[in-house]
């Protein structure tokens, strides 16, 4: 009789342990899903657990690719991949000396946009014009910063899309910003 009780007890312990494990895994999956942006075409509530995990894996892979792309850009801008890097060795700041100005980067991150503009001090540039173009194209400016380092001026603007359904046409926005700063070249 004692043996039978021990077998029953170990079965219950295993069932409880498995139930706790599944509950813990479910909690972790929901936690992961909560920190990953939801896909454009579906709602989090309609996704199965497998779909959420697939989306999270794809999102993380995309982030890894973005990091690699940014590393390559950084190396190029620092001159490590540039065969003419010794040409710029005489500049006072070798890091920024080889960048061709102005520099415009537009990053579309689903419902947010980031505009980075680097110009030189000697150019007559109106910061408010970039903000106006963003707002005309359907973005609400959340914050805008401008800082000067040496003879370079760094402008960063973070904005949010006014209407997620309509969005912002980034190619048109990019073209308008390039036209604006084109006179600086």
N, C-alpha and C. Protein backbone atom coordinates (compact mmCIF):
# COMPACT_ATOMS: atom_id res chain seq x y z
N UNK A 1 0.82 -1.19 0.00
CA UNK A 1 0.00 0.00 0.00
C UNK A 1 0.86 1.25 0.00
N UNK A 2 1.97 1.26 0.74
CA UNK A 2 2.84 2.41 0.80
C UNK A 2 3.45 2.69 -0.57
N UNK A 3 3.83 1.63 -1.29
CA UNK A 3 4.43 1.80 -2.60
C UNK A 3 3.46 2.49 -3.55
N UNK A 4 2.24 2.08 -3.54
CA UNK A 4 1.21 2.65 -4.39
C UNK A 4 1.03 4.14 -4.09
N UNK A 5 1.06 4.51 -2.84
CA UNK A 5 0.91 5.92 -2.43
C UNK A 5 2.09 6.74 -2.95
N UNK A 6 3.30 6.18 -2.90
CA UNK A 6 4.48 6.88 -3.38
C UNK A 6 4.40 7.12 -4.88
N UNK A 7 3.93 6.15 -5.63
CA UNK A 7 3.79 6.29 -7.08
C UNK A 7 2.77 7.38 -7.39
N UNK A 8 1.64 7.37 -6.70
CA UNK A 8 0.61 8.39 -6.88
C UNK A 8 1.18 9.77 -6.57
N UNK A 9 1.94 9.88 -5.49
CA UNK A 9 2.51 11.15 -5.07
C UNK A 9 3.49 11.68 -6.11
N UNK A 10 4.33 10.80 -6.67
CA UNK A 10 5.30 11.26 -7.67
C UNK A 10 4.61 11.69 -8.96
N UNK A 11 3.49 11.03 -9.33
CA UNK A 11 2.71 11.43 -10.49
C UNK A 11 2.13 12.82 -10.29
N UNK A 12 1.62 13.09 -9.12
CA UNK A 12 1.03 14.40 -8.81
C UNK A 12 2.12 15.46 -8.83
N UNK A 13 3.29 15.14 -8.26
CA UNK A 13 4.39 16.10 -8.26
C UNK A 13 4.83 16.43 -9.68
N UNK A 14 4.91 15.43 -10.54
CA UNK A 14 5.30 15.68 -11.93
C UNK A 14 4.24 16.50 -12.65
N UNK A 15 2.97 16.19 -12.40
CA UNK A 15 1.89 16.95 -13.03
C UNK A 15 1.93 18.41 -12.57
N UNK A 16 2.14 18.62 -11.31
CA UNK A 16 2.21 19.98 -10.76
C UNK A 16 3.42 20.72 -11.33
N UNK A 17 4.54 20.03 -11.38
CA UNK A 17 5.75 20.65 -11.93
C UNK A 17 5.54 21.01 -13.40
N UNK A 18 4.93 20.12 -14.17
CA UNK A 18 4.67 20.40 -15.59
C UNK A 18 3.68 21.55 -15.74
N UNK A 19 2.66 21.58 -14.92
CA UNK A 19 1.68 22.68 -14.96
C UNK A 19 2.37 24.01 -14.65
N UNK A 20 3.21 24.01 -13.64
CA UNK A 20 3.94 25.23 -13.29
C UNK A 20 4.89 25.65 -14.42
N UNK A 21 5.54 24.68 -15.04
CA UNK A 21 6.45 24.98 -16.15
C UNK A 21 5.69 25.61 -17.31
N UNK A 22 4.54 25.02 -17.68
CA UNK A 22 3.74 25.57 -18.78
C UNK A 22 3.24 26.96 -18.45
N UNK A 23 2.81 27.15 -17.22
CA UNK A 23 2.33 28.47 -16.79
C UNK A 23 3.45 29.51 -16.87
N UNK A 24 4.64 29.12 -16.43
CA UNK A 24 5.80 30.02 -16.47
C UNK A 24 6.17 30.36 -17.92
N UNK A 25 6.16 29.35 -18.81
CA UNK A 25 6.47 29.58 -20.21
C UNK A 25 5.44 30.49 -20.86
N UNK A 26 4.17 30.30 -20.53
CA UNK A 26 3.11 31.15 -21.07
C UNK A 26 3.31 32.59 -20.63
N UNK A 27 3.65 32.77 -19.38
CA UNK A 27 3.90 34.11 -18.84
C UNK A 27 5.08 34.76 -19.56
N UNK A 28 6.15 34.00 -19.78
CA UNK A 28 7.32 34.53 -20.49
C UNK A 28 6.99 34.89 -21.94
N UNK A 29 6.16 34.07 -22.59
CA UNK A 29 5.76 34.36 -23.98
C UNK A 29 4.96 35.65 -24.06
N UNK A 30 4.04 35.85 -23.12
CA UNK A 30 3.26 37.08 -23.11
C UNK A 30 4.14 38.28 -22.80
N UNK A 31 5.11 38.10 -21.92
CA UNK A 31 6.04 39.18 -21.61
C UNK A 31 6.85 39.55 -22.84
N UNK A 32 7.33 38.55 -23.58
CA UNK A 32 8.08 38.80 -24.82
C UNK A 32 7.20 39.52 -25.83
N UNK A 33 5.97 39.06 -25.99
CA UNK A 33 5.06 39.68 -26.94
C UNK A 33 4.75 41.13 -26.57
N UNK A 34 4.77 41.44 -25.29
CA UNK A 34 4.44 42.80 -24.87
C UNK A 34 5.55 43.79 -25.18
N UNK A 35 6.79 43.33 -25.32
CA UNK A 35 7.88 44.26 -25.59
C UNK A 35 8.26 44.31 -27.07
N UNK A 36 7.67 43.46 -27.89
CA UNK A 36 7.91 43.45 -29.33
C UNK A 36 6.77 44.23 -29.98
N UNK A 37 7.09 45.21 -30.86
CA UNK A 37 6.01 45.95 -31.53
C UNK A 37 5.12 45.00 -32.31
N UNK A 38 3.82 45.30 -32.30
CA UNK A 38 2.89 44.43 -33.01
C UNK A 38 3.01 44.65 -34.51
N UNK A 39 2.72 43.61 -35.31
CA UNK A 39 2.79 43.74 -36.76
C UNK A 39 1.74 44.74 -37.26
N UNK A 40 2.00 45.33 -38.43
CA UNK A 40 1.09 46.32 -38.99
C UNK A 40 -0.29 45.74 -39.31
N UNK A 41 -0.33 44.53 -39.81
CA UNK A 41 -1.56 43.99 -40.36
C UNK A 41 -2.37 43.11 -39.43
N UNK A 42 -2.00 43.00 -38.19
CA UNK A 42 -2.78 42.16 -37.27
C UNK A 42 -2.72 42.72 -35.86
N UNK A 43 -3.58 42.20 -35.01
CA UNK A 43 -3.63 42.62 -33.61
C UNK A 43 -2.99 41.53 -32.76
N UNK A 44 -2.40 41.93 -31.66
CA UNK A 44 -1.74 40.95 -30.77
C UNK A 44 -2.72 39.90 -30.27
N UNK A 45 -3.98 40.32 -30.04
CA UNK A 45 -4.95 39.40 -29.48
C UNK A 45 -5.29 38.26 -30.45
N UNK A 46 -5.18 38.50 -31.74
CA UNK A 46 -5.56 37.48 -32.71
C UNK A 46 -4.41 36.55 -33.07
N UNK A 47 -3.22 36.85 -32.60
CA UNK A 47 -2.07 36.01 -32.91
C UNK A 47 -2.00 34.81 -31.98
N UNK A 48 -1.64 33.67 -32.54
CA UNK A 48 -1.41 32.50 -31.69
C UNK A 48 -0.05 32.65 -31.02
N UNK A 49 0.20 31.82 -30.05
CA UNK A 49 1.49 31.88 -29.35
C UNK A 49 2.63 31.62 -30.32
N UNK A 50 2.45 30.68 -31.23
CA UNK A 50 3.48 30.39 -32.23
C UNK A 50 3.72 31.61 -33.12
N UNK A 51 2.63 32.30 -33.53
CA UNK A 51 2.77 33.51 -34.35
C UNK A 51 3.52 34.60 -33.59
N UNK A 52 3.22 34.74 -32.31
CA UNK A 52 3.92 35.75 -31.49
C UNK A 52 5.41 35.44 -31.41
N UNK A 53 5.75 34.17 -31.21
CA UNK A 53 7.16 33.78 -31.14
C UNK A 53 7.85 33.98 -32.49
N UNK A 54 7.17 33.64 -33.59
CA UNK A 54 7.72 33.85 -34.92
C UNK A 54 7.96 35.34 -35.17
N UNK A 55 6.98 36.16 -34.78
CA UNK A 55 7.12 37.61 -34.97
C UNK A 55 8.28 38.15 -34.13
N UNK A 56 8.41 37.67 -32.91
CA UNK A 56 9.51 38.12 -32.04
C UNK A 56 10.86 37.72 -32.63
N UNK A 57 10.95 36.50 -33.14
CA UNK A 57 12.21 36.05 -33.74
C UNK A 57 12.55 36.89 -34.97
N UNK A 58 11.56 37.18 -35.81
CA UNK A 58 11.79 38.00 -37.00
C UNK A 58 12.19 39.42 -36.61
N UNK A 59 11.54 39.95 -35.58
CA UNK A 59 11.85 41.30 -35.11
C UNK A 59 13.29 41.38 -34.59
N UNK A 60 13.69 40.39 -33.81
CA UNK A 60 15.05 40.36 -33.26
C UNK A 60 16.07 40.20 -34.39
N UNK A 61 15.76 39.37 -35.37
CA UNK A 61 16.66 39.21 -36.52
C UNK A 61 16.79 40.54 -37.27
N UNK A 62 15.67 41.24 -37.44
CA UNK A 62 15.71 42.55 -38.10
C UNK A 62 16.55 43.54 -37.33
N UNK A 63 16.44 43.52 -36.00
CA UNK A 63 17.26 44.41 -35.18
C UNK A 63 18.74 44.08 -35.33
N UNK A 64 19.07 42.79 -35.36
CA UNK A 64 20.46 42.39 -35.54
C UNK A 64 21.00 42.87 -36.88
N UNK A 65 20.20 42.74 -37.94
CA UNK A 65 20.61 43.22 -39.26
C UNK A 65 20.81 44.73 -39.25
N UNK A 66 19.91 45.44 -38.55
CA UNK A 66 20.02 46.91 -38.46
C UNK A 66 21.29 47.30 -37.72
N UNK A 67 21.63 46.58 -36.65
CA UNK A 67 22.86 46.85 -35.90
C UNK A 67 24.07 46.66 -36.80
N UNK A 68 24.08 45.58 -37.58
CA UNK A 68 25.19 45.32 -38.49
C UNK A 68 25.30 46.41 -39.55
N UNK A 69 24.15 46.83 -40.07
CA UNK A 69 24.14 47.90 -41.07
C UNK A 69 24.69 49.19 -40.49
N UNK A 70 24.28 49.52 -39.28
CA UNK A 70 24.77 50.74 -38.62
C UNK A 70 26.26 50.65 -38.32
N UNK A 71 26.74 49.45 -37.95
CA UNK A 71 28.17 49.27 -37.71
C UNK A 71 28.96 49.52 -38.99
N UNK A 72 28.44 48.99 -40.12
CA UNK A 72 29.12 49.20 -41.41
C UNK A 72 29.14 50.69 -41.76
N UNK A 73 28.03 51.38 -41.56
CA UNK A 73 27.97 52.82 -41.85
C UNK A 73 28.96 53.58 -40.97
N UNK A 74 29.01 53.20 -39.70
CA UNK A 74 29.92 53.87 -38.77
C UNK A 74 31.36 53.67 -39.20
N UNK A 75 31.72 52.43 -39.55
CA UNK A 75 33.08 52.15 -39.99
C UNK A 75 33.42 52.94 -41.25
N UNK A 76 32.47 53.02 -42.17
CA UNK A 76 32.71 53.77 -43.39
C UNK A 76 32.91 55.25 -43.09
N UNK A 77 32.06 55.78 -42.22
CA UNK A 77 32.15 57.20 -41.90
C UNK A 77 33.38 57.54 -41.08
N UNK A 78 33.82 56.58 -40.29
CA UNK A 78 35.06 56.80 -39.54
C UNK A 78 36.28 56.62 -40.42
N UNK A 79 36.07 56.09 -41.60
CA UNK A 79 37.16 55.95 -42.55
C UNK A 79 37.87 54.62 -42.51
N UNK A 80 37.39 53.65 -41.73
CA UNK A 80 38.10 52.37 -41.63
C UNK A 80 37.96 51.56 -42.91
N UNK A 81 36.87 51.75 -43.66
CA UNK A 81 36.70 51.04 -44.93
C UNK A 81 37.00 51.94 -46.11
N UNK A 82 37.42 53.15 -45.85
CA UNK A 82 37.66 54.12 -46.90
C UNK A 82 39.12 54.04 -47.35
N UNK A 83 39.38 53.74 -48.63
CA UNK A 83 40.76 53.63 -49.09
C UNK A 83 41.50 54.97 -49.02
N UNK A 84 40.80 56.08 -48.98
CA UNK A 84 41.43 57.39 -48.92
C UNK A 84 41.49 57.93 -47.50
N UNK A 85 41.46 57.06 -46.50
CA UNK A 85 41.39 57.54 -45.11
C UNK A 85 42.64 58.33 -44.73
N UNK A 86 43.79 58.04 -45.31
CA UNK A 86 45.00 58.79 -44.99
C UNK A 86 44.95 60.20 -45.56
N UNK A 87 44.11 60.40 -46.58
CA UNK A 87 43.95 61.71 -47.18
C UNK A 87 43.41 62.72 -46.16
N UNK A 88 42.57 62.25 -45.26
CA UNK A 88 41.94 63.12 -44.27
C UNK A 88 42.68 63.12 -42.94
N UNK A 89 43.86 62.56 -42.89
CA UNK A 89 44.58 62.45 -41.62
C UNK A 89 45.00 63.80 -41.08
N UNK A 90 45.07 64.83 -41.93
CA UNK A 90 45.53 66.13 -41.49
C UNK A 90 44.44 66.96 -40.82
N UNK A 91 43.19 66.53 -40.87
CA UNK A 91 42.10 67.32 -40.30
C UNK A 91 42.19 67.33 -38.79
N UNK A 92 41.61 68.37 -38.18
CA UNK A 92 41.68 68.50 -36.73
C UNK A 92 40.89 67.41 -36.03
N UNK A 93 39.81 66.97 -36.62
CA UNK A 93 39.00 65.92 -36.03
C UNK A 93 38.86 64.79 -37.05
N UNK A 94 39.70 63.75 -36.96
CA UNK A 94 39.68 62.70 -37.98
C UNK A 94 38.36 61.95 -38.05
N UNK A 95 37.59 61.95 -36.97
CA UNK A 95 36.33 61.22 -36.99
C UNK A 95 35.35 61.90 -37.93
N UNK A 96 35.20 63.22 -37.83
CA UNK A 96 34.20 63.95 -38.61
C UNK A 96 34.80 64.60 -39.85
N UNK A 97 36.11 64.59 -39.98
CA UNK A 97 36.74 65.27 -41.09
C UNK A 97 36.40 64.68 -42.45
N UNK A 98 36.06 63.39 -42.53
CA UNK A 98 35.85 62.76 -43.82
C UNK A 98 34.37 62.68 -44.20
N UNK A 99 33.48 63.23 -43.40
CA UNK A 99 32.06 63.20 -43.72
C UNK A 99 31.75 64.32 -44.70
N UNK A 100 31.05 63.99 -45.75
CA UNK A 100 30.63 64.98 -46.73
C UNK A 100 29.31 65.57 -46.28
N UNK A 101 29.28 66.87 -46.12
CA UNK A 101 28.09 67.55 -45.60
C UNK A 101 27.28 68.16 -46.74
N UNK A 102 26.00 68.32 -46.55
CA UNK A 102 25.20 67.91 -45.39
C UNK A 102 24.88 66.42 -45.45
N UNK A 103 24.58 65.86 -44.27
CA UNK A 103 24.17 64.46 -44.16
C UNK A 103 22.72 64.45 -43.71
N UNK A 104 21.90 63.66 -44.39
CA UNK A 104 20.49 63.52 -44.03
C UNK A 104 20.18 62.05 -43.88
N UNK A 105 19.64 61.68 -42.73
CA UNK A 105 19.17 60.31 -42.51
C UNK A 105 17.75 60.38 -42.01
N UNK A 106 16.90 59.57 -42.61
CA UNK A 106 15.50 59.48 -42.22
C UNK A 106 15.25 58.04 -41.82
N UNK A 107 14.88 57.82 -40.56
CA UNK A 107 14.63 56.46 -40.07
C UNK A 107 13.15 56.31 -39.78
N UNK A 108 12.52 55.37 -40.48
CA UNK A 108 11.10 55.07 -40.30
C UNK A 108 11.00 53.86 -39.40
N UNK A 109 10.46 54.05 -38.19
CA UNK A 109 10.33 52.96 -37.22
C UNK A 109 8.86 52.78 -36.89
N UNK A 110 8.13 52.19 -37.85
CA UNK A 110 6.70 51.94 -37.76
C UNK A 110 5.93 53.24 -37.57
N UNK A 111 5.56 53.61 -36.35
CA UNK A 111 4.75 54.80 -36.15
C UNK A 111 5.58 56.02 -35.75
N UNK A 112 6.89 55.87 -35.70
CA UNK A 112 7.74 57.02 -35.37
C UNK A 112 8.77 57.25 -36.47
N UNK A 113 9.18 58.50 -36.56
CA UNK A 113 10.20 58.89 -37.54
C UNK A 113 11.31 59.62 -36.81
N UNK A 114 12.52 59.40 -37.27
CA UNK A 114 13.65 60.13 -36.73
C UNK A 114 14.41 60.74 -37.91
N UNK A 115 14.64 62.04 -37.83
CA UNK A 115 15.39 62.74 -38.86
C UNK A 115 16.69 63.21 -38.22
N UNK A 116 17.81 62.85 -38.85
CA UNK A 116 19.12 63.30 -38.40
C UNK A 116 19.73 64.09 -39.55
N UNK A 117 20.11 65.32 -39.24
CA UNK A 117 20.68 66.20 -40.24
C UNK A 117 21.97 66.78 -39.68
N UNK A 118 23.05 66.63 -40.42
CA UNK A 118 24.34 67.19 -40.00
C UNK A 118 24.75 68.21 -41.05
N UNK A 119 24.97 69.44 -40.60
CA UNK A 119 25.39 70.51 -41.50
C UNK A 119 26.62 71.18 -40.92
N UNK A 120 27.20 72.07 -41.70
CA UNK A 120 28.34 72.83 -41.19
C UNK A 120 27.84 74.17 -40.66
N UNK A 121 28.64 74.78 -39.82
CA UNK A 121 28.27 76.04 -39.19
C UNK A 121 28.11 77.17 -40.20
N UNK A 122 28.86 77.14 -41.26
CA UNK A 122 28.86 78.26 -42.19
C UNK A 122 27.67 78.26 -43.15
N UNK A 123 26.78 77.30 -43.07
CA UNK A 123 25.62 77.25 -43.95
C UNK A 123 24.42 77.91 -43.26
N UNK A 124 23.68 78.68 -44.05
CA UNK A 124 22.48 79.34 -43.54
C UNK A 124 21.34 78.33 -43.57
N UNK A 125 21.03 77.76 -42.44
CA UNK A 125 20.05 76.67 -42.37
C UNK A 125 18.95 77.03 -41.38
N UNK A 126 17.72 76.86 -41.79
CA UNK A 126 16.58 77.15 -40.93
C UNK A 126 15.99 75.83 -40.41
N UNK A 127 16.21 75.59 -39.12
CA UNK A 127 15.78 74.36 -38.48
C UNK A 127 14.26 74.20 -38.54
N UNK A 128 13.55 75.30 -38.42
CA UNK A 128 12.09 75.25 -38.41
C UNK A 128 11.53 74.75 -39.74
N UNK A 129 12.28 74.90 -40.84
CA UNK A 129 11.80 74.45 -42.14
C UNK A 129 11.67 72.93 -42.19
N UNK A 130 12.59 72.24 -41.58
CA UNK A 130 12.51 70.77 -41.53
C UNK A 130 11.29 70.35 -40.71
N UNK A 131 11.08 71.03 -39.59
CA UNK A 131 9.92 70.73 -38.74
C UNK A 131 8.63 70.98 -39.51
N UNK A 132 8.57 72.07 -40.26
CA UNK A 132 7.38 72.38 -41.06
C UNK A 132 7.10 71.31 -42.09
N UNK A 133 8.14 70.84 -42.77
CA UNK A 133 7.96 69.79 -43.78
C UNK A 133 7.45 68.51 -43.12
N UNK A 134 8.01 68.14 -41.97
CA UNK A 134 7.53 66.95 -41.26
C UNK A 134 6.05 67.06 -40.94
N UNK A 135 5.64 68.19 -40.42
CA UNK A 135 4.24 68.38 -40.04
C UNK A 135 3.33 68.39 -41.26
N UNK A 136 3.78 68.99 -42.36
CA UNK A 136 2.99 69.00 -43.60
C UNK A 136 2.80 67.58 -44.15
N UNK A 137 3.77 66.73 -43.92
CA UNK A 137 3.71 65.36 -44.44
C UNK A 137 2.98 64.39 -43.49
N UNK A 138 2.46 64.89 -42.38
CA UNK A 138 1.65 64.04 -41.50
C UNK A 138 2.33 63.51 -40.27
N UNK A 139 3.33 64.21 -39.76
CA UNK A 139 4.02 63.75 -38.56
C UNK A 139 3.92 64.82 -37.47
N UNK A 140 3.70 64.40 -36.25
CA UNK A 140 3.72 65.31 -35.10
C UNK A 140 5.12 65.28 -34.51
N UNK A 141 5.75 66.44 -34.39
CA UNK A 141 7.10 66.50 -33.83
C UNK A 141 7.00 66.35 -32.32
N UNK A 142 7.70 65.35 -31.79
CA UNK A 142 7.72 65.10 -30.35
C UNK A 142 8.83 65.89 -29.67
N UNK A 143 10.02 65.87 -30.27
CA UNK A 143 11.11 66.70 -29.76
C UNK A 143 12.11 66.96 -30.88
N UNK A 144 12.84 68.05 -30.70
CA UNK A 144 13.84 68.43 -31.69
C UNK A 144 15.05 68.96 -30.94
N UNK A 145 16.22 68.50 -31.33
CA UNK A 145 17.47 68.92 -30.68
C UNK A 145 18.45 69.40 -31.73
N UNK A 146 19.25 70.33 -31.32
CA UNK A 146 20.31 70.82 -32.19
C UNK A 146 21.53 71.04 -31.32
N UNK A 147 22.68 70.53 -31.75
CA UNK A 147 23.90 70.75 -30.98
C UNK A 147 25.05 70.98 -31.93
N UNK A 148 26.03 71.73 -31.46
CA UNK A 148 27.19 72.07 -32.26
C UNK A 148 28.42 71.40 -31.70
N UNK A 149 29.17 70.74 -32.57
CA UNK A 149 30.44 70.12 -32.20
C UNK A 149 31.45 70.59 -33.24
N UNK A 150 32.40 71.40 -32.79
CA UNK A 150 33.38 71.95 -33.72
C UNK A 150 32.69 72.82 -34.75
N UNK A 151 32.89 72.51 -36.02
CA UNK A 151 32.24 73.28 -37.08
C UNK A 151 31.04 72.54 -37.66
N UNK A 152 30.54 71.52 -36.96
CA UNK A 152 29.38 70.74 -37.40
C UNK A 152 28.19 71.01 -36.49
N UNK A 153 26.99 71.05 -37.11
CA UNK A 153 25.76 71.20 -36.35
C UNK A 153 24.94 69.93 -36.56
N UNK A 154 24.55 69.30 -35.45
CA UNK A 154 23.78 68.06 -35.47
C UNK A 154 22.34 68.37 -35.08
N UNK A 155 21.42 68.07 -35.99
CA UNK A 155 20.00 68.28 -35.74
C UNK A 155 19.35 66.90 -35.66
N UNK A 156 18.56 66.66 -34.63
CA UNK A 156 17.82 65.40 -34.49
C UNK A 156 16.38 65.74 -34.17
N UNK A 157 15.47 65.16 -34.93
CA UNK A 157 14.05 65.41 -34.73
C UNK A 157 13.34 64.07 -34.60
N UNK A 158 12.60 63.88 -33.51
CA UNK A 158 11.79 62.69 -33.31
C UNK A 158 10.33 63.10 -33.50
N UNK A 159 9.62 62.32 -34.30
CA UNK A 159 8.21 62.63 -34.55
C UNK A 159 7.41 61.34 -34.59
N UNK A 160 6.10 61.53 -34.49
CA UNK A 160 5.19 60.39 -34.50
C UNK A 160 4.18 60.61 -35.62
N UNK A 161 3.81 59.53 -36.29
CA UNK A 161 2.84 59.61 -37.37
C UNK A 161 1.49 60.01 -36.80
N UNK A 162 0.85 61.02 -37.42
CA UNK A 162 -0.45 61.50 -36.92
C UNK A 162 -1.52 60.43 -37.03
N UNK A 163 -1.59 59.76 -38.17
CA UNK A 163 -2.59 58.74 -38.40
C UNK A 163 -1.89 57.46 -38.85
N UNK A 164 -1.97 56.41 -38.04
CA UNK A 164 -1.31 55.15 -38.37
C UNK A 164 -1.89 54.53 -39.65
N UNK A 165 -3.18 54.76 -39.90
CA UNK A 165 -3.80 54.19 -41.10
C UNK A 165 -3.27 54.85 -42.36
N UNK A 166 -3.09 56.16 -42.30
CA UNK A 166 -2.61 56.90 -43.46
C UNK A 166 -1.10 56.82 -43.54
N UNK A 167 -0.42 57.03 -42.41
CA UNK A 167 1.03 56.96 -42.35
C UNK A 167 1.69 58.16 -42.99
N UNK A 168 2.99 58.05 -43.19
CA UNK A 168 3.78 59.10 -43.83
C UNK A 168 4.52 58.45 -44.98
N UNK A 169 4.46 59.07 -46.14
CA UNK A 169 5.18 58.55 -47.29
C UNK A 169 6.63 58.99 -47.17
N UNK A 170 7.47 58.09 -46.68
CA UNK A 170 8.85 58.46 -46.36
C UNK A 170 9.66 58.84 -47.60
N UNK A 171 9.35 58.24 -48.75
CA UNK A 171 10.10 58.61 -49.95
C UNK A 171 9.83 60.06 -50.34
N UNK A 172 8.58 60.48 -50.23
CA UNK A 172 8.23 61.88 -50.53
C UNK A 172 8.84 62.82 -49.51
N UNK A 173 8.76 62.43 -48.24
CA UNK A 173 9.34 63.24 -47.18
C UNK A 173 10.84 63.38 -47.38
N UNK A 174 11.50 62.29 -47.69
CA UNK A 174 12.94 62.31 -47.93
C UNK A 174 13.28 63.24 -49.10
N UNK A 175 12.50 63.15 -50.17
CA UNK A 175 12.74 63.99 -51.34
C UNK A 175 12.59 65.47 -50.99
N UNK A 176 11.55 65.82 -50.23
CA UNK A 176 11.34 67.22 -49.85
C UNK A 176 12.47 67.73 -48.96
N UNK A 177 12.93 66.88 -48.04
CA UNK A 177 14.04 67.29 -47.17
C UNK A 177 15.33 67.45 -47.96
N UNK A 178 15.55 66.56 -48.92
CA UNK A 178 16.75 66.68 -49.77
C UNK A 178 16.70 67.95 -50.60
N UNK A 179 15.51 68.29 -51.10
CA UNK A 179 15.37 69.54 -51.85
C UNK A 179 15.66 70.74 -50.96
N UNK A 180 15.20 70.68 -49.72
CA UNK A 180 15.43 71.78 -48.78
C UNK A 180 16.93 71.97 -48.52
N UNK A 181 17.60 70.85 -48.23
CA UNK A 181 19.02 70.99 -47.89
C UNK A 181 19.89 71.00 -49.14
N UNK A 182 19.30 70.75 -50.31
CA UNK A 182 20.06 70.74 -51.54
C UNK A 182 20.75 72.08 -51.81
N UNK A 183 20.11 73.17 -51.40
CA UNK A 183 20.73 74.46 -51.62
C UNK A 183 21.94 74.66 -50.73
N UNK A 184 22.10 73.81 -49.71
CA UNK A 184 23.25 73.92 -48.81
C UNK A 184 24.52 73.39 -49.44
N UNK A 185 24.36 72.48 -50.40
CA UNK A 185 25.52 71.81 -50.99
C UNK A 185 26.33 72.76 -51.85
